[in-house]
C-alpha atoms as a PDB file:
ATOM      1  CA  MET A   1      83.292 174.768  54.881  1.00  0.00           C
ATOM      2  CA  ILE A   2      81.114 177.064  56.955  1.00  0.00           C
ATOM      3  CA  PRO A   3      81.070 176.467  60.921  1.00  0.00           C
ATOM      4  CA  ASN A   4      77.407 175.208  60.890  1.00  0.00           C
ATOM      5  CA  LYS A   5      78.179 172.717  58.254  1.00  0.00           C
ATOM      6  CA  VAL A   6      81.421 171.585  60.165  1.00  0.00           C
ATOM      7  CA  ILE A   7      79.490 171.011  63.339  1.00  0.00           C
ATOM      8  CA  ALA A   8      76.813 168.992  61.345  1.00  0.00           C
ATOM      9  CA  ALA A   9      79.384 166.739  59.636  1.00  0.00           C
ATOM     10  CA  VAL A  10      81.089 166.209  63.078  1.00  0.00           C
ATOM     11  CA  ASN A  11      77.763 165.411  64.748  1.00  0.00           C
ATOM     12  CA  ALA A  12      76.848 162.939  61.734  1.00  0.00           C
ATOM     13  CA  GLY A  13      80.257 161.218  62.264  1.00  0.00           C
ATOM     14  CA  LEU A  14      79.882 160.935  65.996  1.00  0.00           C
ATOM     15  CA  LYS A  15      76.401 159.279  65.522  1.00  0.00           C
ATOM     16  CA  LEU A  16      77.853 156.931  63.080  1.00  0.00           C
ATOM     17  CA  TYR A  17      80.355 155.732  65.690  1.00  0.00           C
ATOM     18  CA  ARG A  18      77.854 155.530  68.416  1.00  0.00           C
ATOM     19  CA  ASP A  19      75.260 153.790  66.282  1.00  0.00           C
ATOM     20  CA  CYS A  20      77.869 151.214  65.116  1.00  0.00           C
ATOM     21  CA  VAL A  21      78.368 150.079  68.705  1.00  0.00           C
ATOM     22  CA  ARG A  22      74.994 150.755  70.032  1.00  0.00           C
ATOM     23  CA  LYS A  23      73.286 148.724  67.364  1.00  0.00           C
ATOM     24  CA  ALA A  24      75.895 145.757  67.029  1.00  0.00           C
ATOM     25  CA  PRO A  25      73.790 142.625  67.452  1.00  0.00           C
ATOM     26  CA  ARG A  26      74.184 141.046  70.790  1.00  0.00           C
ATOM     27  CA  TYR A  27      72.837 137.474  70.230  1.00  0.00           C
ATOM     28  CA  PRO A  28      76.341 135.932  71.040  1.00  0.00           C
ATOM     29  CA  LEU A  29      75.025 136.680  74.542  1.00  0.00           C
ATOM     30  CA  ASP A  30      72.383 133.991  74.221  1.00  0.00           C
ATOM     31  CA  ALA A  31      75.028 131.403  73.470  1.00  0.00           C
ATOM     32  CA  VAL A  32      76.819 132.527  76.475  1.00  0.00           C
ATOM     33  CA  LYS A  33      73.474 131.846  78.695  1.00  0.00           C
ATOM     34  CA  GLU A  34      73.198 128.534  76.944  1.00  0.00           C
ATOM     35  CA  TYR A  35      76.909 127.575  77.815  1.00  0.00           C
ATOM     36  CA  GLU A  36      76.322 128.643  81.414  1.00  0.00           C
ATOM     37  CA  ALA A  37      73.138 126.560  81.604  1.00  0.00           C
ATOM     38  CA  TRP A  38      75.226 123.537  80.146  1.00  0.00           C
ATOM     39  CA  PHE A  39      78.138 124.072  82.517  1.00  0.00           C
ATOM     40  CA  ASN A  40      75.835 124.335  85.431  1.00  0.00           C
ATOM     41  CA  ASP A  41      73.978 121.105  84.512  1.00  0.00           C
ATOM     42  CA  THR A  42      75.580 118.764  82.056  1.00  0.00           C
ATOM     43  CA  PHE A  43      79.360 119.596  82.641  1.00  0.00           C
ATOM     44  CA  LEU A  44      78.984 119.324  86.365  1.00  0.00           C
ATOM     45  CA  ILE A  45      77.230 116.172  86.225  1.00  0.00           C
ATOM     46  CA  GLU A  46      79.685 114.664  83.922  1.00  0.00           C
ATOM     47  CA  LEU A  47      82.671 115.929  86.084  1.00  0.00           C
ATOM     48  CA  THR A  48      81.623 114.971  89.378  1.00  0.00           C
ATOM     49  CA  SER A  49      80.461 111.469  88.109  1.00  0.00           C
ATOM     50  CA  ARG A  50      84.063 110.852  87.601  1.00  0.00           C
ATOM     51  CA  LEU A  51      85.124 111.912  91.007  1.00  0.00           C
ATOM     52  CA  THR A  52      85.472 110.092  94.344  1.00  0.00           C
ATOM     53  CA  VAL A  53      83.582 112.085  96.977  1.00  0.00           C
ATOM     54  CA  LYS A  54      83.668 111.374 100.763  1.00  0.00           C
ATOM     55  CA  ALA A  55      81.412 113.467 102.937  1.00  0.00           C
ATOM     56  CA  GLY A  56      81.074 116.040 100.168  1.00  0.00           C
ATOM     57  CA  ARG A  57      84.846 116.320  99.636  1.00  0.00           C
ATOM     58  CA  TRP A  58      86.535 115.711  96.438  1.00  0.00           C
ATOM     59  CA  ILE A  59      89.376 113.042  97.051  1.00  0.00           C
ATOM     60  CA  ALA A  60      92.580 112.913  95.488  1.00  0.00           C
ATOM     61  CA  ASP A  61      92.931 109.177  95.057  1.00  0.00           C
ATOM     62  CA  ASP A  62      95.160 107.375  92.492  1.00  0.00           C
ATOM     63  CA  LYS A  63      93.104 108.062  89.636  1.00  0.00           C
ATOM     64  CA  ALA A  64      91.907 111.558  90.402  1.00  0.00           C
ATOM     65  CA  HIS A  65      94.609 113.215  88.308  1.00  0.00           C
ATOM     66  CA  LEU A  66      93.036 111.873  85.103  1.00  0.00           C
ATOM     67  CA  VAL A  67      89.893 114.123  85.868  1.00  0.00           C
ATOM     68  CA  ILE A  68      91.734 117.176  85.361  1.00  0.00           C
ATOM     69  CA  GLY A  69      92.439 116.745  81.701  1.00  0.00           C
ATOM     70  CA  THR A  70      88.909 115.205  81.150  1.00  0.00           C
ATOM     71  CA  ALA A  71      87.442 118.365  82.696  1.00  0.00           C
ATOM     72  CA  GLY A  72      89.419 120.695  80.435  1.00  0.00           C
ATOM     73  CA  ARG A  73      88.243 118.497  77.469  1.00  0.00           C
ATOM     74  CA  LEU A  74      84.718 118.785  78.201  1.00  0.00           C
ATOM     75  CA  ALA A  75      84.855 122.412  78.793  1.00  0.00           C
ATOM     76  CA  LEU A  76      86.668 122.974  75.452  1.00  0.00           C
ATOM     77  CA  GLU A  77      84.238 120.679  73.645  1.00  0.00           C
ATOM     78  CA  GLY A  78      81.199 122.763  75.204  1.00  0.00           C
ATOM     79  CA  CYS A  79      82.861 125.807  73.917  1.00  0.00           C
ATOM     80  CA  GLN A  80      83.376 124.414  70.476  1.00  0.00           C
ATOM     81  CA  SER A  81      79.713 123.293  70.267  1.00  0.00           C
ATOM     82  CA  ILE A  82      77.892 126.005  72.015  1.00  0.00           C
ATOM     83  CA  LEU A  83      80.046 129.143  71.948  1.00  0.00           C
ATOM     84  CA  LEU A  84      82.525 129.334  69.084  1.00  0.00           C
ATOM     85  CA  PRO A  85      79.947 128.509  66.147  1.00  0.00           C
ATOM     86  CA  VAL A  86      77.821 131.508  67.246  1.00  0.00           C
ATOM     87  CA  PHE A  87      80.838 133.934  67.903  1.00  0.00           C
ATOM     88  CA  ASN A  88      82.282 133.069  64.536  1.00  0.00           C
ATOM     89  CA  ALA A  89      79.189 133.444  62.779  1.00  0.00           C
ATOM     90  CA  TRP A  90      78.672 136.888  64.315  1.00  0.00           C
ATOM     91  CA  ILE A  91      82.244 137.925  63.409  1.00  0.00           C
ATOM     92  CA  GLU A  92      81.771 136.857  59.820  1.00  0.00           C
ATOM     93  CA  ARG A  93      78.377 138.439  59.582  1.00  0.00           C
ATOM     94  CA  GLU A  94      79.039 141.672  61.278  1.00  0.00           C
ATOM     95  CA  TYR A  95      82.591 142.764  60.331  1.00  0.00           C
ATOM     96  CA  PRO A  96      81.479 143.734  56.778  1.00  0.00           C
ATOM     97  CA  LYS A  97      78.801 145.849  58.225  1.00  0.00           C
ATOM     98  CA  PHE A  98      81.070 147.692  60.811  1.00  0.00           C
ATOM     99  CA  TRP A  99      83.474 148.197  57.799  1.00  0.00           C
ATOM    100  CA  LYS A 100      81.019 149.827  55.567  1.00  0.00           C
ATOM    101  CA  GLN A 101      79.864 152.128  58.459  1.00  0.00           C
ATOM    102  CA  GLY A 102      83.468 152.991  58.755  1.00  0.00           C
ATOM    103  CA  LEU A 103      83.762 153.879  55.366  1.00  0.00           C
ATOM    104  CA  GLU A 104      80.880 156.176  55.467  1.00  0.00           C
ATOM    105  CA  TYR A 105      82.487 157.936  58.497  1.00  0.00           C
ATOM    106  CA  ALA A 106      85.388 158.448  56.287  1.00  0.00           C
ATOM    107  CA  ARG A 107      83.168 159.871  53.437  1.00  0.00           C
ATOM    108  CA  VAL A 108      81.479 162.379  55.897  1.00  0.00           C
ATOM    109  CA  MET A 109      85.118 163.493  57.305  1.00  0.00           C
ATOM    110  CA  ALA A 110      86.377 164.030  53.696  1.00  0.00           C
ATOM    111  CA  ASP A 111      83.477 166.046  52.858  1.00  0.00           C
ATOM    112  CA  MET A 112      83.936 168.130  55.969  1.00  0.00           C
ATOM    113  CA  GLN A 113      87.498 168.845  54.997  1.00  0.00           C
ATOM    114  CA  GLY A 114      86.624 169.565  51.237  1.00  0.00           C
ATOM    115  CA  SER A 115      88.784 166.402  50.145  1.00  0.00           C
ATOM    116  CA  PRO A 116      87.943 164.170  47.327  1.00  0.00           C
ATOM    117  CA  GLU A 117      85.364 161.503  48.025  1.00  0.00           C
ATOM    118  CA  PRO A 118      87.155 158.231  49.342  1.00  0.00           C
ATOM    119  CA  ALA A 119      87.019 155.166  47.176  1.00  0.00           C
ATOM    120  CA  PRO A 120      83.900 153.120  47.311  1.00  0.00           C
ATOM    121  CA  PHE A 121      83.770 149.745  48.748  1.00  0.00           C
ATOM    122  CA  GLY A 122      85.938 147.140  46.653  1.00  0.00           C
ATOM    123  CA  ASP A 123      87.835 144.110  46.392  1.00  0.00           C
ATOM    124  CA  ALA A 124      90.594 145.470  48.528  1.00  0.00           C
ATOM    125  CA  ASP A 125      88.105 146.066  51.290  1.00  0.00           C
ATOM    126  CA  VAL A 126      87.100 142.395  50.969  1.00  0.00           C
ATOM    127  CA  GLY A 127      90.588 141.389  51.708  1.00  0.00           C
ATOM    128  CA  GLN A 128      91.007 143.778  54.646  1.00  0.00           C
ATOM    129  CA  ILE A 129      87.797 142.284  56.175  1.00  0.00           C
ATOM    130  CA  ALA A 130      88.867 138.721  55.589  1.00  0.00           C
ATOM    131  CA  VAL A 131      92.067 139.395  57.428  1.00  0.00           C
ATOM    132  CA  LEU A 132      90.217 140.987  60.582  1.00  0.00           C
ATOM    133  CA  VAL A 133      87.842 138.092  60.423  1.00  0.00           C
ATOM    134  CA  THR A 134      90.324 135.375  60.389  1.00  0.00           C
ATOM    135  CA  GLY A 135      92.361 136.930  63.018  1.00  0.00           C
ATOM    136  CA  GLU A 136      89.296 137.426  65.492  1.00  0.00           C
ATOM    137  CA  ILE A 137      88.083 133.877  64.909  1.00  0.00           C
ATOM    138  CA  ALA A 138      91.657 132.649  65.976  1.00  0.00           C
ATOM    139  CA  THR A 139      91.411 134.994  68.864  1.00  0.00           C
ATOM    140  CA  GLN A 140      88.336 133.245  69.942  1.00  0.00           C
ATOM    141  CA  ALA A 141      89.670 129.866  69.621  1.00  0.00           C
ATOM    142  CA  ASP A 142      92.377 130.870  71.853  1.00  0.00           C
ATOM    143  CA  HIS A 143      90.199 132.387  74.457  1.00  0.00           C
ATOM    144  CA  ALA A 144      88.264 128.948  74.633  1.00  0.00           C
ATOM    145  CA  ASP A 145      91.580 127.245  75.120  1.00  0.00           C
ATOM    146  CA  HIS A 146      92.441 129.644  78.001  1.00  0.00           C
ATOM    147  CA  HIS A 147      88.910 128.538  79.476  1.00  0.00           C
ATOM    148  CA  ARG A 148      90.039 125.094  79.134  1.00  0.00           C
ATOM    149  CA  ARG A 149      93.213 125.718  81.090  1.00  0.00           C
ATOM    150  CA  TYR A 150      91.395 127.648  83.717  1.00  0.00           C
ATOM    151  CA  VAL A 151      88.878 124.759  84.329  1.00  0.00           C
ATOM    152  CA  GLU A 152      91.801 122.402  84.687  1.00  0.00           C
ATOM    153  CA  ARG A 153      93.596 124.577  87.153  1.00  0.00           C
ATOM    154  CA  VAL A 154      90.358 124.893  89.382  1.00  0.00           C
ATOM    155  CA  VAL A 155      89.837 121.092  89.166  1.00  0.00           C
ATOM    156  CA  SER A 156      93.443 120.709  90.197  1.00  0.00           C
ATOM    157  CA  ALA A 157      93.005 123.072  93.069  1.00  0.00           C
ATOM    158  CA  ALA A 158      89.819 121.450  94.142  1.00  0.00           C
ATOM    159  CA  LEU A 159      91.245 118.038  94.202  1.00  0.00           C
ATOM    160  CA  SER A 160      94.499 119.127  95.942  1.00  0.00           C
ATOM    161  CA  ASN A 161      92.618 121.089  98.688  1.00  0.00           C
ATOM    162  CA  GLY A 162      89.612 118.653  99.264  1.00  0.00           C
ATOM    163  CA  TRP A 163      86.990 121.331  98.185  1.00  0.00           C
ATOM    164  CA  ASP A 164      83.317 120.428  97.774  1.00  0.00           C
ATOM    165  CA  THR A 165      81.371 121.061  94.695  1.00  0.00           C
ATOM    166  CA  LYS A 166      79.962 124.317  95.899  1.00  0.00           C
ATOM    167  CA  ARG A 167      83.548 125.492  96.599  1.00  0.00           C
ATOM    168  CA  PHE A 168      84.550 124.643  93.032  1.00  0.00           C
ATOM    169  CA  MET A 169      81.615 126.287  91.525  1.00  0.00           C
ATOM    170  CA  ALA A 170      82.577 129.589  93.549  1.00  0.00           C
ATOM    171  CA  ALA A 171      85.949 129.425  91.975  1.00  0.00           C
ATOM    172  CA  MET A 172      84.200 129.097  88.478  1.00  0.00           C
ATOM    173  CA  THR A 173      81.681 131.940  88.995  1.00  0.00           C
ATOM    174  CA  VAL A 174      81.746 135.702  89.350  1.00  0.00           C
ATOM    175  CA  PRO A 175      78.538 137.817  89.695  1.00  0.00           C
ATOM    176  CA  GLN A 176      78.311 138.202  85.877  1.00  0.00           C
ATOM    177  CA  GLY A 177      78.255 134.340  85.402  1.00  0.00           C
ATOM    178  CA  ILE A 178      80.761 131.387  84.625  1.00  0.00           C
ATOM    179  CA  VAL A 179      84.276 132.568  84.312  1.00  0.00           C
ATOM    180  CA  ALA A 180      85.728 132.570  80.884  1.00  0.00           C
ATOM    181  CA  PHE A 181      89.414 133.044  82.037  1.00  0.00           C
ATOM    182  CA  PRO A 182      91.502 135.447  84.272  1.00  0.00           C
ATOM    183  CA  PHE A 183      93.029 138.499  82.958  1.00  0.00           C
ATOM    184  CA  GLY A 184      95.676 139.718  85.240  1.00  0.00           C
ATOM    185  CA  ASN A 185      94.274 139.417  88.719  1.00  0.00           C
ATOM    186  CA  THR A 186      90.643 139.583  87.519  1.00  0.00           C
ATOM    187  CA  ARG A 187      88.350 136.738  86.592  1.00  0.00           C
ATOM    188  CA  TYR A 188      86.279 137.606  83.516  1.00  0.00           C
ATOM    189  CA  SER A 189      83.064 136.115  82.911  1.00  0.00           C
ATOM    190  CA  TRP A 190      81.831 134.903  79.528  1.00  0.00           C
ATOM    191  CA  THR A 191      79.137 137.609  79.611  1.00  0.00           C
ATOM    192  CA  THR A 192      81.651 140.323  80.239  1.00  0.00           C
ATOM    193  CA  HIS A 193      84.251 138.834  77.889  1.00  0.00           C
ATOM    194  CA  ILE A 194      81.616 138.686  74.904  1.00  0.00           C
ATOM    195  CA  THR A 195      80.107 142.085  75.815  1.00  0.00           C
ATOM    196  CA  ARG A 196      83.543 143.561  75.267  1.00  0.00           C
ATOM    197  CA  MET A 197      84.039 141.514  71.989  1.00  0.00           C
ATOM    198  CA  ILE A 198      80.764 142.970  70.601  1.00  0.00           C
ATOM    199  CA  GLU A 199      81.554 146.519  71.542  1.00  0.00           C
ATOM    200  CA  GLY A 200      85.201 146.502  71.060  1.00  0.00           C
ATOM    201  CA  ARG A 201      85.262 144.703  67.762  1.00  0.00           C
ATOM    202  CA  ALA A 202      82.613 146.936  66.461  1.00  0.00           C
ATOM    203  CA  ARG A 203      84.722 150.066  67.246  1.00  0.00           C
ATOM    204  CA  ALA A 204      87.986 148.394  66.060  1.00  0.00           C
ATOM    205  CA  ALA A 205      86.407 147.435  62.480  1.00  0.00           C
ATOM    206  CA  PHE A 206      84.868 150.836  62.032  1.00  0.00           C
ATOM    207  CA  ALA A 207      88.011 152.564  63.002  1.00  0.00           C
ATOM    208  CA  SER A 208      90.214 150.180  60.577  1.00  0.00           C
ATOM    209  CA  ALA A 209      87.863 151.194  57.593  1.00  0.00           C
ATOM    210  CA  ALA A 210      88.164 154.793  58.460  1.00  0.00           C
ATOM    211  CA  GLU A 211      91.986 154.708  58.961  1.00  0.00           C
ATOM    212  CA  ASN A 212      92.245 152.594  55.681  1.00  0.00           C
ATOM    213  CA  ARG A 213      90.628 155.408  53.608  1.00  0.00           C
ATOM    214  CA  ALA A 214      92.608 158.028  55.542  1.00  0.00           C
ATOM    215  CA  MET A 215      95.869 156.334  54.631  1.00  0.00           C
ATOM    216  CA  GLN A 216      94.716 156.153  50.999  1.00  0.00           C
ATOM    217  CA  MET A 217      94.128 159.854  50.910  1.00  0.00           C
ATOM    218  CA  GLU A 218      97.355 160.523  52.252  1.00  0.00           C
ATOM    219  CA  GLY A 219      98.976 158.259  49.525  1.00  0.00           C
ATOM    220  CA  GLU A 220     100.336 155.847  52.061  1.00  0.00           C
ATOM    221  CA  LEU A 221      98.190 153.009  50.498  1.00  0.00           C
ATOM    222  CA  PRO A 222      97.077 152.389  46.941  1.00  0.00           C
ATOM    223  CA  GLU A 223      93.498 152.761  46.050  1.00  0.00           C
END
Protein backbone atom coordinates (compact mmCIF):
# COMPACT_ATOMS: atom_id res chain seq x y z
CA MET A 1 0.00 0.00 0.00
CA ILE A 2 1.38 3.42 -0.94
CA PRO A 3 2.31 5.75 1.98
CA ASN A 4 -0.54 8.20 1.40
CA LYS A 5 -3.07 5.38 1.49
CA VAL A 6 -1.52 4.04 4.70
CA ILE A 7 -1.82 7.46 6.32
CA ALA A 8 -5.43 7.76 5.15
CA ALA A 9 -6.26 4.34 6.58
CA VAL A 10 -4.62 5.12 9.91
CA ASN A 11 -6.49 8.42 10.13
CA ALA A 12 -9.74 6.66 9.29
CA GLY A 13 -9.09 4.10 12.02
CA LEU A 14 -8.26 6.76 14.58
CA LYS A 15 -11.41 8.66 13.68
CA LEU A 16 -13.51 5.53 14.19
CA TYR A 17 -11.97 5.04 17.62
CA ARG A 18 -12.41 8.68 18.67
CA ASP A 19 -15.98 8.84 17.37
CA CYS A 20 -16.91 5.66 19.23
CA VAL A 21 -16.12 7.41 22.52
CA ARG A 22 -17.12 10.94 21.59
CA LYS A 23 -20.53 9.94 20.24
CA ALA A 24 -21.37 7.41 22.97
CA PRO A 25 -24.75 8.53 24.37
CA ARG A 26 -24.52 10.09 27.82
CA TYR A 27 -28.11 9.80 28.96
CA PRO A 28 -27.11 7.64 31.97
CA LEU A 29 -25.85 10.90 33.48
CA ASP A 30 -29.45 12.12 33.53
CA ALA A 31 -30.28 9.16 35.77
CA VAL A 32 -27.38 10.18 38.02
CA LYS A 33 -28.88 13.65 38.38
CA GLU A 34 -32.24 12.09 39.22
CA TYR A 35 -30.65 9.85 41.83
CA GLU A 36 -28.79 12.76 43.41
CA ALA A 37 -32.01 14.78 43.64
CA TRP A 38 -33.72 11.76 45.24
CA PHE A 39 -30.83 11.27 47.67
CA ASN A 40 -30.84 14.92 48.74
CA ASP A 41 -34.58 14.89 49.27
CA THR A 42 -36.43 11.59 49.74
CA PHE A 43 -33.51 9.54 51.06
CA LEU A 44 -32.42 12.21 53.53
CA ILE A 45 -35.98 12.72 54.82
CA GLU A 46 -36.49 8.95 55.20
CA LEU A 47 -33.16 8.61 57.00
CA THR A 48 -33.43 11.52 59.42
CA SER A 49 -37.03 10.67 60.29
CA ARG A 50 -35.69 7.46 61.84
CA LEU A 51 -33.03 9.17 63.94
CA THR A 52 -32.97 10.64 67.41
CA VAL A 53 -31.58 14.14 67.03
CA LYS A 54 -30.68 16.49 69.89
CA ALA A 55 -29.33 20.00 69.33
CA GLY A 56 -28.87 19.02 65.71
CA ARG A 57 -26.67 16.02 66.57
CA TRP A 58 -27.42 12.40 65.69
CA ILE A 59 -27.75 10.38 68.89
CA ALA A 60 -26.66 6.74 69.18
CA ASP A 61 -29.51 5.53 71.38
CA ASP A 62 -30.45 1.88 71.91
CA LYS A 63 -32.21 1.60 68.52
CA ALA A 64 -29.88 3.75 66.42
CA HIS A 65 -27.93 0.75 65.12
CA LEU A 66 -31.04 -0.38 63.25
CA VAL A 67 -30.90 2.75 61.13
CA ILE A 68 -27.56 1.72 59.61
CA GLY A 69 -28.99 -1.24 57.71
CA THR A 70 -32.13 0.69 56.83
CA ALA A 71 -30.08 3.49 55.29
CA GLY A 72 -28.18 0.98 53.18
CA ARG A 73 -31.37 -0.70 52.05
CA LEU A 74 -32.94 2.62 51.07
CA ALA A 75 -29.86 3.63 49.07
CA LEU A 76 -29.76 0.29 47.28
CA GLU A 77 -33.45 0.50 46.46
CA GLY A 78 -32.84 3.97 45.03
CA CYS A 79 -30.04 2.61 42.85
CA GLN A 80 -32.20 -0.30 41.71
CA SER A 81 -35.15 1.89 40.78
CA ILE A 82 -33.38 4.97 39.37
CA LEU A 83 -29.87 4.07 38.24
CA LEU A 84 -29.57 0.42 37.28
CA PRO A 85 -32.49 0.25 34.81
CA VAL A 86 -30.97 3.10 32.83
CA PHE A 87 -27.41 1.81 33.07
CA ASN A 88 -28.48 -1.67 32.00
CA ALA A 89 -30.54 -0.36 29.09
CA TRP A 90 -27.55 1.68 27.92
CA ILE A 91 -25.26 -1.36 28.13
CA GLU A 92 -27.70 -3.57 26.19
CA ARG A 93 -28.41 -0.91 23.57
CA GLU A 94 -24.95 0.54 22.98
CA TYR A 95 -22.59 -2.44 23.22
CA PRO A 96 -23.66 -3.90 19.86
CA LYS A 97 -22.98 -0.49 18.27
CA PHE A 98 -19.51 -0.26 19.83
CA TRP A 99 -18.77 -3.80 18.69
CA LYS A 100 -19.80 -3.08 15.09
CA GLN A 101 -17.66 0.05 15.10
CA GLY A 102 -14.74 -2.10 16.23
CA LEU A 103 -15.41 -4.48 13.34
CA GLU A 104 -15.29 -1.57 10.93
CA TYR A 105 -11.94 -0.58 12.42
CA ALA A 106 -10.71 -4.14 11.87
CA ARG A 107 -11.82 -3.95 8.23
CA VAL A 108 -9.94 -0.68 7.68
CA MET A 109 -6.79 -2.08 9.29
CA ALA A 110 -7.00 -5.29 7.24
CA ASP A 111 -7.33 -3.26 4.05
CA MET A 112 -4.32 -1.19 5.01
CA GLN A 113 -2.24 -4.34 5.48
CA GLY A 114 -3.49 -5.98 2.31
CA SER A 115 -5.12 -8.76 4.34
CA PRO A 116 -8.38 -10.50 3.43
CA GLU A 117 -11.48 -8.69 4.60
CA PRO A 118 -12.50 -9.87 8.09
CA ALA A 119 -15.64 -11.94 8.53
CA PRO A 120 -18.85 -9.87 8.67
CA PHE A 121 -21.02 -9.56 11.75
CA GLY A 122 -22.53 -12.93 12.61
CA ASP A 123 -23.92 -15.22 15.30
CA ALA A 124 -20.54 -15.54 17.03
CA ASP A 125 -20.51 -11.76 17.49
CA VAL A 126 -23.95 -11.91 19.09
CA GLY A 127 -22.58 -14.39 21.60
CA GLN A 128 -19.51 -12.28 22.33
CA ILE A 129 -21.64 -9.17 22.88
CA ALA A 130 -23.99 -11.08 25.19
CA VAL A 131 -21.01 -12.13 27.32
CA LEU A 132 -19.75 -8.53 27.59
CA VAL A 133 -23.23 -7.18 28.35
CA THR A 134 -23.93 -9.77 31.04
CA GLY A 135 -20.59 -9.12 32.72
CA GLU A 136 -21.03 -5.35 32.72
CA ILE A 137 -24.57 -5.51 34.08
CA ALA A 138 -23.28 -7.67 36.93
CA THR A 139 -20.51 -5.13 37.54
CA GLN A 140 -23.00 -2.27 37.83
CA ALA A 141 -25.08 -4.27 40.32
CA ASP A 142 -21.91 -4.80 42.34
CA HIS A 143 -21.19 -1.08 42.24
CA ALA A 144 -24.66 -0.35 43.59
CA ASP A 145 -23.91 -2.70 46.47
CA HIS A 146 -20.61 -0.91 47.09
CA HIS A 147 -22.65 2.28 47.35
CA ARG A 148 -24.97 0.62 49.88
CA ARG A 149 -22.02 -0.36 52.03
CA TYR A 150 -20.52 3.11 51.81
CA VAL A 151 -23.79 4.67 52.96
CA GLU A 152 -23.88 2.26 55.90
CA ARG A 153 -20.31 3.12 56.90
CA VAL A 154 -21.00 6.85 56.80
CA VAL A 155 -24.23 6.52 58.80
CA SER A 156 -22.33 4.42 61.36
CA ALA A 157 -19.60 7.06 61.62
CA ALA A 158 -22.20 9.81 61.97
CA LEU A 159 -23.91 8.03 64.85
CA SER A 160 -20.64 7.11 66.56
CA ASN A 161 -19.30 10.65 66.42
CA GLY A 162 -22.49 12.63 66.90
CA TRP A 163 -22.41 14.33 63.53
CA ASP A 164 -25.13 16.64 62.33
CA THR A 165 -26.88 16.19 58.99
CA LYS A 166 -24.61 18.73 57.29
CA ARG A 167 -21.53 16.75 58.32
CA PHE A 168 -23.12 13.52 57.09
CA MET A 169 -23.84 15.05 53.69
CA ALA A 170 -20.29 16.37 53.49
CA ALA A 171 -19.07 12.80 53.80
CA MET A 172 -21.52 11.71 51.11
CA THR A 173 -20.60 14.43 48.64
CA VAL A 174 -17.64 15.44 46.50
CA PRO A 175 -17.53 18.43 44.10
CA GLN A 176 -18.93 16.27 41.28
CA GLY A 177 -21.94 15.12 43.34
CA ILE A 178 -23.10 12.27 45.55
CA VAL A 179 -20.40 9.69 46.28
CA ALA A 180 -20.89 6.32 44.61
CA PHE A 181 -18.16 4.52 46.53
CA PRO A 182 -14.49 4.95 47.40
CA PHE A 183 -11.76 3.53 45.21
CA GLY A 184 -8.44 3.38 47.01
CA ASN A 185 -8.12 6.64 48.90
CA THR A 186 -10.45 8.54 46.57
CA ARG A 187 -14.20 8.98 46.82
CA TYR A 188 -15.78 8.80 43.37
CA SER A 189 -19.08 10.46 42.59
CA TRP A 190 -21.72 8.70 40.56
CA THR A 191 -21.10 11.36 37.89
CA THR A 192 -17.42 10.46 37.62
CA HIS A 193 -18.12 6.74 37.83
CA ILE A 194 -20.71 6.76 35.04
CA THR A 195 -18.72 9.12 32.83
CA ARG A 196 -15.90 6.60 33.05
CA MET A 197 -18.32 3.77 32.34
CA ILE A 198 -19.55 5.46 29.19
CA GLU A 199 -16.12 6.30 27.84
CA GLY A 200 -14.29 3.24 29.11
CA ARG A 201 -16.84 0.65 28.05
CA ALA A 202 -17.13 2.23 24.59
CA ARG A 203 -13.37 1.82 24.17
CA ALA A 204 -13.38 -1.69 25.64
CA ALA A 205 -16.17 -3.09 23.44
CA PHE A 206 -14.67 -1.44 20.35
CA ALA A 207 -11.25 -2.92 21.14
CA SER A 208 -12.70 -6.35 21.93
CA ALA A 209 -14.29 -6.54 18.49
CA ALA A 210 -11.10 -5.46 16.72
CA GLU A 211 -9.04 -7.94 18.75
CA ASN A 212 -11.54 -10.70 18.00
CA ARG A 213 -11.08 -10.22 14.25
CA ALA A 214 -7.32 -9.94 14.59
CA MET A 215 -7.26 -13.28 16.42
CA GLN A 216 -9.43 -14.84 13.71
CA MET A 217 -7.03 -13.61 11.04
CA GLU A 218 -4.12 -15.12 12.95
CA GLY A 219 -5.97 -18.42 13.18
CA GLU A 220 -6.27 -18.23 16.97
CA LEU A 221 -10.07 -18.22 16.79
CA PRO A 222 -12.42 -20.00 14.36
CA GLU A 223 -14.37 -17.78 12.00
